[in-house]
Amino acid sequence: MVVLPSAYGMTSLSKYLFFWVLLALLVGCGSKRDSLTIYTSQDQVYAEPILRDFEKQSGIKIRAIYDSEAVKTVGLVNRLIFEKNNPQCDLFWNNEELRTRQLATKGVLNTSMRIEAFGTRTRQWVWNTNQISMASIPKDLFTLTNAHWRSKVAIALPLFGSTSTHFQILRQKWGKKRWKQWCRGLIANDVITVDGNSVVVQLVGRGEVALGITDSDDIRAGLKNQLPIAGKSIVEDGFIIRNSIGYIAGSPYQNLSKRLAEYLQSNSVKDSLIEAGALDSFSSGSSQKIDWQRIVAENEIAVNELKSVFLD
């Protein structure tokens, strides 16, 4: 309760000042936070309806900032790092894990709130069914360096998004020497690099390349658009891609952020994402244990190595 002095006996000027002080106090007492800012790398077509439903159910207004396909996730991560000392965001909803874990090591996330992961997607082969059959799909990723696949394969530039994460996981699994030889072998075999996994699907669908590596949700989107494609999980050297949620350090609205995070992980939202094609309906692909701490620690070195191969 705010105890206010009586206005009786005040001068006109004092009453004027008293009125504005009273108004400010009343507004301050009655005001409540009713909005959250979320940065998300989840595709806007999938995320926006879910966030709007949360607004309707909770009465909390959501301001959402989305990422672009070409710099998937990395753009928002850099923005969050830049804003670290003056956070403009309350919650980060990422459609993969690596960059969220990077933010934790840089002090951008609230260390008292653990990173939460949910849902699955998989890394997959995608091929044009008018050009090749499932029997022709390579048995492993090393086959892509064979002359048979010269100029016939497309991948997203492995500096961003799930492709970057995939390449860094392979670096950890195979060892640096073998991994770098493979990366150079892809370039020597004229692999096509494009801006994002969805572009890989489009190139394959148009028959400009016969084969590509992409994510399961991008294949489902291509099938909805009636592209002549098919997909198959990369089991031996693939990985399971999970959505992740990070709470931004310095946000004074952790309780509201928790409400939104719990909603995003609810069965109804997961079912909606599955129905929309953003998540797999069941877990598949590699179940290998990923040493995220090591990958984060070596990320800058790995990215520089990737740049030296794919950009020089």
C-alpha atoms as a PDB file:
ATOM      1  CA  MET A   1       0.000   0.000   0.000  1.00  0.00           C
ATOM      2  CA  VAL A   2       1.205   3.521  -0.802  1.00  0.00           C
ATOM      3  CA  VAL A   3       0.492   6.068   1.955  1.00  0.00           C
ATOM      4  CA  LEU A   4      -0.043   9.536   0.540  1.00  0.00           C
ATOM      5  CA  PRO A   5      -0.117  12.865   2.343  1.00  0.00           C
ATOM      6  CA  SER A   6      -3.259  14.967   2.366  1.00  0.00           C
ATOM      7  CA  ALA A   7      -3.520  17.752  -0.184  1.00  0.00           C
ATOM      8  CA  TYR A   8      -5.324  19.996   2.318  1.00  0.00           C
ATOM      9  CA  GLY A   9      -3.566  23.291   2.902  1.00  0.00           C
ATOM     10  CA  MET A  10      -1.247  23.052  -0.098  1.00  0.00           C
ATOM     11  CA  THR A  11      -0.516  25.956  -2.432  1.00  0.00           C
ATOM     12  CA  SER A  12      -1.662  25.773  -6.049  1.00  0.00           C
ATOM     13  CA  LEU A  13       1.847  24.844  -7.177  1.00  0.00           C
ATOM     14  CA  SER A  14       2.119  22.229  -4.442  1.00  0.00           C
ATOM     15  CA  LYS A  15      -1.249  20.781  -5.423  1.00  0.00           C
ATOM     16  CA  TYR A  16      -0.116  20.656  -9.061  1.00  0.00           C
ATOM     17  CA  LEU A  17       3.034  18.784  -8.158  1.00  0.00           C
ATOM     18  CA  PHE A  18       1.106  16.582  -5.761  1.00  0.00           C
ATOM     19  CA  PHE A  19      -1.303  15.606  -8.559  1.00  0.00           C
ATOM     20  CA  TRP A  20       1.510  14.409 -10.836  1.00  0.00           C
ATOM     21  CA  VAL A  21       3.303  12.556  -8.056  1.00  0.00           C
ATOM     22  CA  LEU A  22       0.026  10.866  -7.142  1.00  0.00           C
ATOM     23  CA  LEU A  23      -0.636   9.927 -10.762  1.00  0.00           C
ATOM     24  CA  ALA A  24       2.847   8.479 -11.161  1.00  0.00           C
ATOM     25  CA  LEU A  25       2.503   6.446  -7.976  1.00  0.00           C
ATOM     26  CA  LEU A  26      -0.913   5.105  -8.966  1.00  0.00           C
ATOM     27  CA  VAL A  27       0.315   4.141 -12.444  1.00  0.00           C
ATOM     28  CA  GLY A  28       3.375   2.529 -10.927  1.00  0.00           C
ATOM     29  CA  CYS A  29       1.310   0.560  -8.427  1.00  0.00           C
ATOM     30  CA  GLY A  30      -1.156  -0.633 -11.006  1.00  0.00           C
ATOM     31  CA  SER A  31       1.275  -1.471 -13.805  1.00  0.00           C
ATOM     32  CA  LYS A  32       2.280  -5.073 -14.412  1.00  0.00           C
ATOM     33  CA  ARG A  33       4.588  -6.633 -16.958  1.00  0.00           C
ATOM     34  CA  ASP A  34       2.392  -8.143 -19.655  1.00  0.00           C
ATOM     35  CA  SER A  35       4.848  -8.743 -22.490  1.00  0.00           C
ATOM     36  CA  LEU A  36       7.902 -10.850 -23.305  1.00  0.00           C
ATOM     37  CA  THR A  37      10.509 -10.625 -26.048  1.00  0.00           C
ATOM     38  CA  ILE A  38      11.604 -13.917 -27.546  1.00  0.00           C
ATOM     39  CA  TYR A  39      14.329 -14.465 -30.118  1.00  0.00           C
ATOM     40  CA  THR A  40      13.820 -17.661 -32.088  1.00  0.00           C
ATOM     41  CA  SER A  41      15.542 -19.525 -34.900  1.00  0.00           C
ATOM     42  CA  GLN A  42      12.502 -21.775 -35.276  1.00  0.00           C
ATOM     43  CA  ASP A  43      11.002 -21.092 -38.701  1.00  0.00           C
ATOM     44  CA  GLN A  44       8.475 -18.281 -38.440  1.00  0.00           C
ATOM     45  CA  VAL A  45       5.809 -20.261 -40.286  1.00  0.00           C
ATOM     46  CA  TYR A  46       5.914 -22.823 -37.460  1.00  0.00           C
ATOM     47  CA  ALA A  47       6.596 -20.592 -34.468  1.00  0.00           C
ATOM     48  CA  GLU A  48       4.264 -17.682 -35.069  1.00  0.00           C
ATOM     49  CA  PRO A  49       0.934 -19.542 -34.665  1.00  0.00           C
ATOM     50  CA  ILE A  50       2.196 -21.145 -31.446  1.00  0.00           C
ATOM     51  CA  LEU A  51       3.258 -17.822 -29.962  1.00  0.00           C
ATOM     52  CA  ARG A  52      -0.045 -16.218 -30.940  1.00  0.00           C
ATOM     53  CA  ASP A  53      -1.938 -19.051 -29.200  1.00  0.00           C
ATOM     54  CA  PHE A  54       0.125 -18.483 -26.060  1.00  0.00           C
ATOM     55  CA  GLU A  55      -0.786 -14.792 -26.161  1.00  0.00           C
ATOM     56  CA  LYS A  56      -4.496 -15.635 -26.311  1.00  0.00           C
ATOM     57  CA  GLN A  57      -4.310 -18.170 -23.491  1.00  0.00           C
ATOM     58  CA  SER A  58      -2.049 -16.221 -21.135  1.00  0.00           C
ATOM     59  CA  GLY A  59      -2.787 -12.581 -21.899  1.00  0.00           C
ATOM     60  CA  ILE A  60       0.987 -12.037 -22.183  1.00  0.00           C
ATOM     61  CA  LYS A  61       1.952 -10.156 -25.333  1.00  0.00           C
ATOM     62  CA  ILE A  62       4.853 -11.716 -27.254  1.00  0.00           C
ATOM     63  CA  ARG A  63       7.350  -9.756 -29.306  1.00  0.00           C
ATOM     64  CA  ALA A  64       9.156 -12.269 -31.514  1.00  0.00           C
ATOM     65  CA  ILE A  65      12.375 -11.685 -33.453  1.00  0.00           C
ATOM     66  CA  TYR A  66      13.129 -14.334 -36.097  1.00  0.00           C
ATOM     67  CA  ASP A  67      16.305 -15.334 -37.901  1.00  0.00           C
ATOM     68  CA  SER A  68      16.954 -15.631 -41.631  1.00  0.00           C
ATOM     69  CA  GLU A  69      17.620 -18.914 -43.429  1.00  0.00           C
ATOM     70  CA  ALA A  70      21.030 -17.880 -44.745  1.00  0.00           C
ATOM     71  CA  VAL A  71      22.550 -17.179 -41.314  1.00  0.00           C
ATOM     72  CA  LYS A  72      20.321 -19.515 -39.356  1.00  0.00           C
ATOM     73  CA  THR A  73      20.748 -19.056 -35.592  1.00  0.00           C
ATOM     74  CA  VAL A  74      24.145 -17.339 -35.835  1.00  0.00           C
ATOM     75  CA  GLY A  75      22.586 -13.900 -36.451  1.00  0.00           C
ATOM     76  CA  LEU A  76      20.505 -14.051 -33.292  1.00  0.00           C
ATOM     77  CA  VAL A  77      23.383 -15.471 -31.270  1.00  0.00           C
ATOM     78  CA  ASN A  78      25.617 -12.573 -32.260  1.00  0.00           C
ATOM     79  CA  ARG A  79      22.834 -10.144 -31.411  1.00  0.00           C
ATOM     80  CA  LEU A  80      22.371 -11.692 -27.960  1.00  0.00           C
ATOM     81  CA  ILE A  81      26.118 -11.502 -27.305  1.00  0.00           C
ATOM     82  CA  PHE A  82      26.145  -7.845 -28.384  1.00  0.00           C
ATOM     83  CA  GLU A  83      23.210  -7.108 -26.059  1.00  0.00           C
ATOM     84  CA  LYS A  84      24.679  -9.028 -23.119  1.00  0.00           C
ATOM     85  CA  ASN A  85      25.173  -5.960 -20.897  1.00  0.00           C
ATOM     86  CA  ASN A  86      21.824  -4.470 -21.878  1.00  0.00           C
ATOM     87  CA  PRO A  87      19.529  -7.433 -22.655  1.00  0.00           C
ATOM     88  CA  GLN A  88      16.591  -6.742 -24.948  1.00  0.00           C
ATOM     89  CA  CYS A  89      15.356 -10.344 -24.922  1.00  0.00           C
ATOM     90  CA  ASP A  90      13.821 -12.572 -22.247  1.00  0.00           C
ATOM     91  CA  LEU A  91      13.903 -16.040 -23.820  1.00  0.00           C
ATOM     92  CA  PHE A  92      15.822 -17.715 -26.652  1.00  0.00           C
ATOM     93  CA  TRP A  93      14.017 -20.530 -28.503  1.00  0.00           C
ATOM     94  CA  ASN A  94      16.518 -22.238 -30.766  1.00  0.00           C
ATOM     95  CA  ASN A  95      15.713 -25.073 -33.174  1.00  0.00           C
ATOM     96  CA  GLU A  96      19.099 -26.682 -32.408  1.00  0.00           C
ATOM     97  CA  GLU A  97      21.459 -26.893 -29.402  1.00  0.00           C
ATOM     98  CA  LEU A  98      25.016 -25.825 -30.195  1.00  0.00           C
ATOM     99  CA  ARG A  99      24.492 -22.065 -30.322  1.00  0.00           C
ATOM    100  CA  THR A 100      22.400 -22.099 -27.153  1.00  0.00           C
ATOM    101  CA  ARG A 101      25.230 -23.840 -25.331  1.00  0.00           C
ATOM    102  CA  GLN A 102      27.646 -21.270 -26.739  1.00  0.00           C
ATOM    103  CA  LEU A 103      25.576 -18.510 -25.188  1.00  0.00           C
ATOM    104  CA  ALA A 104      25.762 -20.241 -21.810  1.00  0.00           C
ATOM    105  CA  THR A 105      29.569 -20.262 -21.878  1.00  0.00           C
ATOM    106  CA  LYS A 106      29.604 -16.546 -22.758  1.00  0.00           C
ATOM    107  CA  GLY A 107      27.452 -15.604 -19.777  1.00  0.00           C
ATOM    108  CA  VAL A 108      24.460 -14.573 -21.886  1.00  0.00           C
ATOM    109  CA  LEU A 109      22.141 -17.120 -20.254  1.00  0.00           C
ATOM    110  CA  ASN A 110      20.907 -17.274 -16.678  1.00  0.00           C
ATOM    111  CA  THR A 111      23.076 -19.957 -15.057  1.00  0.00           C
ATOM    112  CA  SER A 112      20.444 -20.703 -12.410  1.00  0.00           C
ATOM    113  CA  MET A 113      18.072 -21.915 -15.145  1.00  0.00           C
ATOM    114  CA  ARG A 114      19.187 -24.965 -17.088  1.00  0.00           C
ATOM    115  CA  ILE A 115      19.046 -25.187 -20.871  1.00  0.00           C
ATOM    116  CA  GLU A 116      15.945 -27.169 -21.818  1.00  0.00           C
ATOM    117  CA  ALA A 117      15.795 -29.383 -24.916  1.00  0.00           C
ATOM    118  CA  PHE A 118      12.777 -30.974 -26.581  1.00  0.00           C
ATOM    119  CA  GLY A 119      11.565 -32.515 -29.825  1.00  0.00           C
ATOM    120  CA  THR A 120      13.649 -34.156 -32.533  1.00  0.00           C
ATOM    121  CA  ARG A 121      14.629 -33.685 -36.141  1.00  0.00           C
ATOM    122  CA  THR A 122      17.206 -35.671 -38.086  1.00  0.00           C
ATOM    123  CA  ARG A 123      19.879 -35.085 -40.684  1.00  0.00           C
ATOM    124  CA  GLN A 124      18.842 -36.814 -43.882  1.00  0.00           C
ATOM    125  CA  TRP A 125      19.768 -37.677 -47.425  1.00  0.00           C
ATOM    126  CA  VAL A 126      17.427 -36.076 -49.939  1.00  0.00           C
ATOM    127  CA  TRP A 127      17.354 -37.183 -53.559  1.00  0.00           C
ATOM    128  CA  ASN A 128      15.463 -36.507 -56.765  1.00  0.00           C
ATOM    129  CA  THR A 129      13.309 -39.565 -57.421  1.00  0.00           C
ATOM    130  CA  ASN A 130      13.326 -38.884 -61.172  1.00  0.00           C
ATOM    131  CA  GLN A 131      17.109 -39.241 -61.269  1.00  0.00           C
ATOM    132  CA  ILE A 132      18.161 -41.845 -58.704  1.00  0.00           C
ATOM    133  CA  SER A 133      16.641 -44.537 -56.504  1.00  0.00           C
ATOM    134  CA  MET A 134      17.055 -45.294 -52.809  1.00  0.00           C
ATOM    135  CA  ALA A 135      19.425 -48.129 -53.726  1.00  0.00           C
ATOM    136  CA  SER A 136      21.816 -45.532 -55.189  1.00  0.00           C
ATOM    137  CA  ILE A 137      22.088 -43.508 -51.968  1.00  0.00           C
ATOM    138  CA  PRO A 138      25.650 -43.513 -50.559  1.00  0.00           C
ATOM    139  CA  LYS A 139      26.287 -45.921 -47.706  1.00  0.00           C
ATOM    140  CA  ASP A 140      28.266 -43.273 -45.820  1.00  0.00           C
ATOM    141  CA  LEU A 141      29.314 -39.653 -46.041  1.00  0.00           C
ATOM    142  CA  PHE A 142      32.811 -40.505 -47.297  1.00  0.00           C
ATOM    143  CA  THR A 143      31.263 -41.809 -50.518  1.00  0.00           C
ATOM    144  CA  LEU A 144      30.421 -38.214 -51.444  1.00  0.00           C
ATOM    145  CA  THR A 145      34.064 -37.634 -52.372  1.00  0.00           C
ATOM    146  CA  ASN A 146      33.929 -40.345 -55.066  1.00  0.00           C
ATOM    147  CA  ALA A 147      34.039 -39.222 -58.706  1.00  0.00           C
ATOM    148  CA  HIS A 148      30.576 -40.715 -59.282  1.00  0.00           C
ATOM    149  CA  TRP A 149      29.056 -37.864 -57.237  1.00  0.00           C
ATOM    150  CA  ARG A 150      31.063 -35.031 -58.774  1.00  0.00           C
ATOM    151  CA  SER A 151      28.867 -31.903 -59.146  1.00  0.00           C
ATOM    152  CA  LYS A 152      25.767 -33.916 -58.190  1.00  0.00           C
ATOM    153  CA  VAL A 153      25.540 -33.077 -54.456  1.00  0.00           C
ATOM    154  CA  ALA A 154      24.337 -29.983 -52.590  1.00  0.00           C
ATOM    155  CA  ILE A 155      24.806 -29.010 -48.944  1.00  0.00           C
ATOM    156  CA  ALA A 156      24.161 -25.862 -46.943  1.00  0.00           C
ATOM    157  CA  LEU A 157      27.304 -23.822 -46.340  1.00  0.00           C
ATOM    158  CA  PRO A 158      28.590 -25.439 -43.116  1.00  0.00           C
ATOM    159  CA  LEU A 159      29.136 -22.182 -41.240  1.00  0.00           C
ATOM    160  CA  PHE A 160      25.580 -21.808 -39.953  1.00  0.00           C
ATOM    161  CA  GLY A 161      22.667 -23.758 -38.514  1.00  0.00           C
ATOM    162  CA  SER A 162      22.387 -27.523 -38.258  1.00  0.00           C
ATOM    163  CA  THR A 163      24.896 -28.100 -41.068  1.00  0.00           C
ATOM    164  CA  SER A 164      27.606 -26.336 -39.073  1.00  0.00           C
ATOM    165  CA  THR A 165      26.691 -28.375 -36.003  1.00  0.00           C
ATOM    166  CA  HIS A 166      26.733 -31.585 -38.043  1.00  0.00           C
ATOM    167  CA  PHE A 167      30.185 -30.861 -39.431  1.00  0.00           C
ATOM    168  CA  GLN A 168      31.554 -30.074 -35.980  1.00  0.00           C
ATOM    169  CA  ILE A 169      30.123 -33.296 -34.561  1.00  0.00           C
ATOM    170  CA  LEU A 170      31.836 -35.208 -37.373  1.00  0.00           C
ATOM    171  CA  ARG A 171      35.097 -33.433 -36.532  1.00  0.00           C
ATOM    172  CA  GLN A 172      34.801 -34.690 -32.977  1.00  0.00           C
ATOM    173  CA  LYS A 173      33.888 -38.226 -34.053  1.00  0.00           C
ATOM    174  CA  TRP A 174      36.401 -38.748 -36.872  1.00  0.00           C
ATOM    175  CA  GLY A 175      39.334 -36.703 -35.616  1.00  0.00           C
ATOM    176  CA  LYS A 176      40.634 -33.490 -37.140  1.00  0.00           C
ATOM    177  CA  LYS A 177      42.918 -34.995 -39.788  1.00  0.00           C
ATOM    178  CA  ARG A 178      40.388 -37.383 -41.298  1.00  0.00           C
ATOM    179  CA  TRP A 179      37.641 -34.758 -41.083  1.00  0.00           C
ATOM    180  CA  LYS A 180      39.643 -32.064 -42.836  1.00  0.00           C
ATOM    181  CA  GLN A 181      40.585 -34.472 -45.631  1.00  0.00           C
ATOM    182  CA  TRP A 182      36.903 -35.224 -46.141  1.00  0.00           C
ATOM    183  CA  CYS A 183      35.977 -31.519 -46.223  1.00  0.00           C
ATOM    184  CA  ARG A 184      38.658 -30.875 -48.824  1.00  0.00           C
ATOM    185  CA  GLY A 185      37.487 -33.917 -50.744  1.00  0.00           C
ATOM    186  CA  LEU A 186      33.975 -32.444 -50.959  1.00  0.00           C
ATOM    187  CA  ILE A 187      35.316 -29.225 -52.480  1.00  0.00           C
ATOM    188  CA  ALA A 188      37.568 -31.168 -54.875  1.00  0.00           C
ATOM    189  CA  ASN A 189      34.495 -33.124 -55.960  1.00  0.00           C
ATOM    190  CA  ASP A 190      32.615 -29.892 -56.744  1.00  0.00           C
ATOM    191  CA  VAL A 191      29.989 -30.146 -54.002  1.00  0.00           C
ATOM    192  CA  ILE A 192      27.443 -27.316 -54.336  1.00  0.00           C
ATOM    193  CA  THR A 193      27.155 -25.097 -51.241  1.00  0.00           C
ATOM    194  CA  VAL A 194      24.012 -22.989 -50.816  1.00  0.00           C
ATOM    195  CA  ASP A 195      22.325 -20.675 -48.309  1.00  0.00           C
ATOM    196  CA  GLY A 196      20.391 -23.089 -46.124  1.00  0.00           C
ATOM    197  CA  ASN A 197      18.907 -26.560 -45.978  1.00  0.00           C
ATOM    198  CA  SER A 198      15.656 -25.530 -47.638  1.00  0.00           C
ATOM    199  CA  VAL A 199      17.628 -24.375 -50.688  1.00  0.00           C
ATOM    200  CA  VAL A 200      19.267 -27.814 -50.853  1.00  0.00           C
ATOM    201  CA  VAL A 201      15.800 -29.371 -51.083  1.00  0.00           C
ATOM    202  CA  GLN A 202      14.771 -26.924 -53.802  1.00  0.00           C
ATOM    203  CA  LEU A 203      17.857 -27.676 -55.922  1.00  0.00           C
ATOM    204  CA  VAL A 204      17.265 -31.410 -55.584  1.00  0.00           C
ATOM    205  CA  GLY A 205      13.566 -30.989 -56.346  1.00  0.00           C
ATOM    206  CA  ARG A 206      14.322 -29.021 -59.519  1.00  0.00           C
ATOM    207  CA  GLY A 207      16.820 -31.664 -60.620  1.00  0.00           C
ATOM    208  CA  GLU A 208      19.789 -29.281 -60.587  1.00  0.00           C
ATOM    209  CA  VAL A 209      21.551 -31.820 -58.376  1.00  0.00           C
ATOM    210  CA  ALA A 210      20.638 -35.435 -57.744  1.00  0.00           C
ATOM    211  CA  LEU A 211      21.447 -35.634 -54.048  1.00  0.00           C
ATOM    212  CA  GLY A 212      21.731 -33.459 -50.987  1.00  0.00           C
ATOM    213  CA  ILE A 213      22.102 -33.412 -47.208  1.00  0.00           C
ATOM    214  CA  THR A 214      19.436 -31.536 -45.297  1.00  0.00           C
ATOM    215  CA  ASP A 215      17.081 -31.707 -42.295  1.00  0.00           C
ATOM    216  CA  SER A 216      13.965 -33.837 -42.001  1.00  0.00           C
ATOM    217  CA  ASP A 217      11.637 -30.830 -41.653  1.00  0.00           C
ATOM    218  CA  ASP A 218      12.923 -29.346 -44.917  1.00  0.00           C
ATOM    219  CA  ILE A 219      12.205 -32.613 -46.703  1.00  0.00           C
ATOM    220  CA  ARG A 220       8.643 -32.619 -45.369  1.00  0.00           C
ATOM    221  CA  ALA A 221       8.204 -29.049 -46.620  1.00  0.00           C
ATOM    222  CA  GLY A 222       9.444 -30.100 -50.045  1.00  0.00           C
ATOM    223  CA  LEU A 223       7.039 -33.037 -50.150  1.00  0.00           C
ATOM    224  CA  LYS A 224       4.147 -30.728 -49.246  1.00  0.00           C
ATOM    225  CA  ASN A 225       5.134 -28.646 -52.262  1.00  0.00           C
ATOM    226  CA  GLN A 226       4.948 -31.830 -54.362  1.00  0.00           C
ATOM    227  CA  LEU A 227       8.623 -31.878 -55.263  1.00  0.00           C
ATOM    228  CA  PRO A 228       9.840 -35.202 -56.712  1.00  0.00           C
ATOM    229  CA  ILE A 229      12.039 -35.998 -53.710  1.00  0.00           C
ATOM    230  CA  ALA A 230      12.488 -38.618 -51.014  1.00  0.00           C
ATOM    231  CA  GLY A 231      14.415 -38.655 -47.764  1.00  0.00           C
ATOM    232  CA  LYS A 232      16.258 -41.098 -45.553  1.00  0.00           C
ATOM    233  CA  SER A 233      17.956 -40.596 -42.178  1.00  0.00           C
ATOM    234  CA  ILE A 234      21.746 -40.559 -42.065  1.00  0.00           C
ATOM    235  CA  VAL A 235      22.206 -43.154 -39.345  1.00  0.00           C
ATOM    236  CA  GLU A 236      25.922 -43.893 -39.050  1.00  0.00           C
ATOM    237  CA  ASP A 237      27.179 -40.313 -39.101  1.00  0.00           C
ATOM    238  CA  GLY A 238      24.019 -38.318 -38.523  1.00  0.00           C
ATOM    239  CA  PHE A 239      22.709 -36.779 -35.332  1.00  0.00           C
ATOM    240  CA  ILE A 240      19.453 -35.936 -33.611  1.00  0.00           C
ATOM    241  CA  ILE A 241      18.644 -32.225 -33.696  1.00  0.00           C
ATOM    242  CA  ARG A 242      16.729 -30.948 -30.684  1.00  0.00           C
ATOM    243  CA  ASN A 243      15.035 -27.628 -30.017  1.00  0.00           C
ATOM    244  CA  SER A 244      16.521 -25.780 -27.047  1.00  0.00           C
ATOM    245  CA  ILE A 245      15.441 -22.999 -24.725  1.00  0.00           C
ATOM    246  CA  GLY A 246      17.734 -20.585 -22.901  1.00  0.00           C
ATOM    247  CA  TYR A 247      16.758 -17.993 -20.279  1.00  0.00           C
ATOM    248  CA  ILE A 248      18.493 -14.656 -20.807  1.00  0.00           C
ATOM    249  CA  ALA A 249      20.602 -13.362 -17.914  1.00  0.00           C
ATOM    250  CA  GLY A 250      19.492  -9.944 -16.728  1.00  0.00           C
ATOM    251  CA  SER A 251      15.868 -10.376 -17.757  1.00  0.00           C
ATOM    252  CA  PRO A 252      13.704  -9.446 -14.757  1.00  0.00           C
ATOM    253  CA  TYR A 253      10.839 -11.582 -16.026  1.00  0.00           C
ATOM    254  CA  GLN A 254      12.093 -15.115 -15.417  1.00  0.00           C
ATOM    255  CA  ASN A 255       8.728 -16.316 -14.102  1.00  0.00           C
ATOM    256  CA  LEU A 256       6.918 -15.202 -17.241  1.00  0.00           C
ATOM    257  CA  SER A 257       9.694 -16.681 -19.361  1.00  0.00           C
ATOM    258  CA  LYS A 258       9.282 -19.970 -17.492  1.00  0.00           C
ATOM    259  CA  ARG A 259       5.575 -19.979 -18.307  1.00  0.00           C
ATOM    260  CA  LEU A 260       6.321 -19.549 -21.990  1.00  0.00           C
ATOM    261  CA  ALA A 261       9.084 -22.187 -21.916  1.00  0.00           C
ATOM    262  CA  GLU A 262       6.754 -24.703 -20.253  1.00  0.00           C
ATOM    263  CA  TYR A 263       4.133 -23.970 -22.883  1.00  0.00           C
ATOM    264  CA  LEU A 264       6.618 -24.520 -25.720  1.00  0.00           C
ATOM    265  CA  GLN A 265       7.493 -27.930 -24.254  1.00  0.00           C
ATOM    266  CA  SER A 266       3.880 -28.976 -23.705  1.00  0.00           C
ATOM    267  CA  ASN A 267       2.489 -31.995 -25.525  1.00  0.00           C
ATOM    268  CA  SER A 268       0.005 -29.819 -27.404  1.00  0.00           C
ATOM    269  CA  VAL A 269       2.767 -27.636 -28.851  1.00  0.00           C
ATOM    270  CA  LYS A 270       4.944 -30.624 -29.712  1.00  0.00           C
ATOM    271  CA  ASP A 271       1.950 -32.229 -31.431  1.00  0.00           C
ATOM    272  CA  SER A 272       1.368 -28.996 -33.362  1.00  0.00           C
ATOM    273  CA  LEU A 273       5.007 -28.872 -34.463  1.00  0.00           C
ATOM    274  CA  ILE A 274       4.857 -32.515 -35.536  1.00  0.00           C
ATOM    275  CA  GLU A 275       1.647 -31.933 -37.479  1.00  0.00           C
ATOM    276  CA  ALA A 276       3.163 -28.867 -39.153  1.00  0.00           C
ATOM    277  CA  GLY A 277       6.249 -30.893 -40.089  1.00  0.00           C
ATOM    278  CA  ALA A 278       8.720 -28.983 -37.904  1.00  0.00           C
ATOM    279  CA  LEU A 279       9.495 -32.024 -35.730  1.00  0.00           C
ATOM    280  CA  ASP A 280       9.755 -35.747 -36.391  1.00  0.00           C
ATOM    281  CA  SER A 281       6.937 -37.863 -35.036  1.00  0.00           C
ATOM    282  CA  PHE A 282       9.430 -40.337 -33.582  1.00  0.00           C
ATOM    283  CA  SER A 283      13.137 -40.398 -32.749  1.00  0.00           C
ATOM    284  CA  SER A 284      15.394 -41.794 -35.429  1.00  0.00           C
ATOM    285  CA  GLY A 285      18.954 -41.410 -36.636  1.00  0.00           C
ATOM    286  CA  SER A 286      22.177 -41.548 -34.659  1.00  0.00           C
ATOM    287  CA  SER A 287      21.992 -41.878 -30.895  1.00  0.00           C
ATOM    288  CA  GLN A 288      25.689 -41.096 -30.387  1.00  0.00           C
ATOM    289  CA  LYS A 289      26.555 -39.137 -27.279  1.00  0.00           C
ATOM    290  CA  ILE A 290      27.716 -35.639 -28.144  1.00  0.00           C
ATOM    291  CA  ASP A 291      30.355 -33.887 -26.067  1.00  0.00           C
ATOM    292  CA  TRP A 292      28.810 -30.427 -26.334  1.00  0.00           C
ATOM    293  CA  GLN A 293      31.312 -28.897 -23.936  1.00  0.00           C
ATOM    294  CA  ARG A 294      34.207 -29.900 -26.178  1.00  0.00           C
ATOM    295  CA  ILE A 295      32.424 -28.806 -29.354  1.00  0.00           C
ATOM    296  CA  VAL A 296      31.690 -25.384 -27.859  1.00  0.00           C
ATOM    297  CA  ALA A 297      35.296 -25.058 -26.679  1.00  0.00           C
ATOM    298  CA  GLU A 298      36.639 -25.872 -30.151  1.00  0.00           C
ATOM    299  CA  ASN A 299      33.941 -24.052 -32.120  1.00  0.00           C
ATOM    300  CA  GLU A 300      36.033 -21.061 -33.153  1.00  0.00           C
ATOM    301  CA  ILE A 301      38.884 -23.277 -34.347  1.00  0.00           C
ATOM    302  CA  ALA A 302      36.486 -25.542 -36.256  1.00  0.00           C
ATOM    303  CA  VAL A 303      34.699 -22.612 -37.919  1.00  0.00           C
ATOM    304  CA  ASN A 304      38.001 -21.097 -39.023  1.00  0.00           C
ATOM    305  CA  GLU A 305      38.999 -24.464 -40.501  1.00  0.00           C
ATOM    306  CA  LEU A 306      35.660 -24.653 -42.326  1.00  0.00           C
ATOM    307  CA  LYS A 307      36.134 -21.124 -43.663  1.00  0.00           C
ATOM    308  CA  SER A 308      39.590 -22.005 -44.950  1.00  0.00           C
ATOM    309  CA  VAL A 309      38.125 -24.927 -46.899  1.00  0.00           C
ATOM    310  CA  PHE A 310      34.743 -23.634 -48.075  1.00  0.00           C
ATOM    311  CA  LEU A 311      35.400 -19.910 -48.519  1.00  0.00           C
ATOM    312  CA  ASP A 312      39.015 -19.692 -49.740  1.00  0.00           C
END
